[in-house]
């Protein structure tokens, strides 16, 4: 699974999250990390959608900056 962003030192936790709904598809994050991912996804909705299109076309994904 490609990684597009990593932040806040949660390397021991991993999850796949739906771009469309924000639901955790598999894996697990602590509640605080889940809230941060929700906030981050809201700020980067367009970049996430563009990466989804790239993925569908088997093109390289763009990194997305973490929360400041």
C-alpha atoms as a PDB file:
ATOM      1  CA  UNK A   1       0.000   0.000   0.000  1.00  0.00           C
ATOM      2  CA  UNK A   2       1.532   3.353  -0.985  1.00  0.00           C
ATOM      3  CA  UNK A   3       2.001   5.929   1.767  1.00  0.00           C
ATOM      4  CA  UNK A   4       0.984   9.491   0.935  1.00  0.00           C
ATOM      5  CA  UNK A   5       1.528  11.055   4.357  1.00  0.00           C
ATOM      6  CA  UNK A   6       2.834  10.216   7.819  1.00  0.00           C
ATOM      7  CA  UNK A   7       2.461  12.398  10.877  1.00  0.00           C
ATOM      8  CA  UNK A   8       2.426  12.624  14.665  1.00  0.00           C
ATOM      9  CA  UNK A   9       4.565   9.578  15.385  1.00  0.00           C
ATOM     10  CA  UNK A  10       1.849   6.945  15.055  1.00  0.00           C
ATOM     11  CA  UNK A  11       4.114   4.459  13.269  1.00  0.00           C
ATOM     12  CA  UNK A  12       2.928   1.605  15.483  1.00  0.00           C
ATOM     13  CA  UNK A  13      -0.651   2.178  14.295  1.00  0.00           C
ATOM     14  CA  UNK A  14      -1.781   1.744  10.718  1.00  0.00           C
ATOM     15  CA  UNK A  15      -5.136   1.946   9.026  1.00  0.00           C
ATOM     16  CA  UNK A  16      -6.625   2.142   5.556  1.00  0.00           C
ATOM     17  CA  UNK A  17      -9.242   4.885   5.460  1.00  0.00           C
ATOM     18  CA  UNK A  18     -11.852   5.549   2.802  1.00  0.00           C
ATOM     19  CA  UNK A  19     -11.209   8.831   0.996  1.00  0.00           C
ATOM     20  CA  UNK A  20     -14.900   9.206   0.261  1.00  0.00           C
ATOM     21  CA  UNK A  21     -16.363   8.526   3.714  1.00  0.00           C
ATOM     22  CA  UNK A  22     -13.458   8.724   6.167  1.00  0.00           C
ATOM     23  CA  UNK A  23     -14.366   5.270   7.521  1.00  0.00           C
ATOM     24  CA  UNK A  24     -11.582   2.953   8.690  1.00  0.00           C
ATOM     25  CA  UNK A  25     -11.526   0.083   6.196  1.00  0.00           C
ATOM     26  CA  UNK A  26      -9.046  -1.994   8.171  1.00  0.00           C
ATOM     27  CA  UNK A  27      -6.440  -1.499  10.840  1.00  0.00           C
ATOM     28  CA  UNK A  28      -6.838   0.711  13.863  1.00  0.00           C
ATOM     29  CA  UNK A  29      -5.893   4.172  15.077  1.00  0.00           C
ATOM     30  CA  UNK A  30      -6.206   5.649  18.562  1.00  0.00           C
ATOM     31  CA  UNK A  31      -9.138   8.096  18.916  1.00  0.00           C
ATOM     32  CA  UNK A  32      -6.868  11.180  18.860  1.00  0.00           C
ATOM     33  CA  UNK A  33      -5.121   9.989  15.693  1.00  0.00           C
ATOM     34  CA  UNK A  34      -8.497   9.306  14.075  1.00  0.00           C
ATOM     35  CA  UNK A  35      -9.594  12.889  14.798  1.00  0.00           C
ATOM     36  CA  UNK A  36      -6.329  14.236  13.359  1.00  0.00           C
ATOM     37  CA  UNK A  37      -6.715  12.142  10.204  1.00  0.00           C
ATOM     38  CA  UNK A  38     -10.295  13.414   9.817  1.00  0.00           C
ATOM     39  CA  UNK A  39      -9.085  17.007  10.126  1.00  0.00           C
ATOM     40  CA  UNK A  40      -6.180  16.399   7.724  1.00  0.00           C
ATOM     41  CA  UNK A  41      -8.428  14.696   5.145  1.00  0.00           C
ATOM     42  CA  UNK A  42     -10.864  17.610   5.284  1.00  0.00           C
ATOM     43  CA  UNK A  43      -8.049  20.044   4.536  1.00  0.00           C
ATOM     44  CA  UNK A  44      -6.675  17.935   1.678  1.00  0.00           C
ATOM     45  CA  UNK A  45      -9.840  16.552   0.063  1.00  0.00           C
ATOM     46  CA  UNK A  46      -8.850  17.781  -3.431  1.00  0.00           C
ATOM     47  CA  UNK A  47      -5.315  16.376  -3.190  1.00  0.00           C
ATOM     48  CA  UNK A  48      -6.685  13.056  -1.969  1.00  0.00           C
ATOM     49  CA  UNK A  49      -9.154  12.894  -4.862  1.00  0.00           C
ATOM     50  CA  UNK A  50      -6.352  13.705  -7.325  1.00  0.00           C
ATOM     51  CA  UNK A  51      -4.215  10.935  -5.837  1.00  0.00           C
ATOM     52  CA  UNK A  52      -7.129   8.513  -6.163  1.00  0.00           C
ATOM     53  CA  UNK A  53      -7.342   9.359  -9.874  1.00  0.00           C
ATOM     54  CA  UNK A  54      -3.571   8.827 -10.213  1.00  0.00           C
ATOM     55  CA  UNK A  55      -3.858   5.464  -8.468  1.00  0.00           C
ATOM     56  CA  UNK A  56      -6.649   4.368 -10.824  1.00  0.00           C
ATOM     57  CA  UNK A  57      -4.351   5.197 -13.755  1.00  0.00           C
ATOM     58  CA  UNK A  58      -1.384   3.403 -12.094  1.00  0.00           C
ATOM     59  CA  UNK A  59       0.534   6.686 -11.945  1.00  0.00           C
ATOM     60  CA  UNK A  60       2.838   7.656  -9.045  1.00  0.00           C
ATOM     61  CA  UNK A  61       1.092   9.291  -6.107  1.00  0.00           C
ATOM     62  CA  UNK A  62       1.943  12.743  -4.776  1.00  0.00           C
ATOM     63  CA  UNK A  63       2.962  13.152  -1.134  1.00  0.00           C
ATOM     64  CA  UNK A  64       0.612  15.286   0.948  1.00  0.00           C
ATOM     65  CA  UNK A  65       1.978  17.410   3.764  1.00  0.00           C
ATOM     66  CA  UNK A  66       0.982  16.420   7.317  1.00  0.00           C
ATOM     67  CA  UNK A  67      -0.854  18.749   9.650  1.00  0.00           C
ATOM     68  CA  UNK A  68       1.287  21.695  10.761  1.00  0.00           C
END
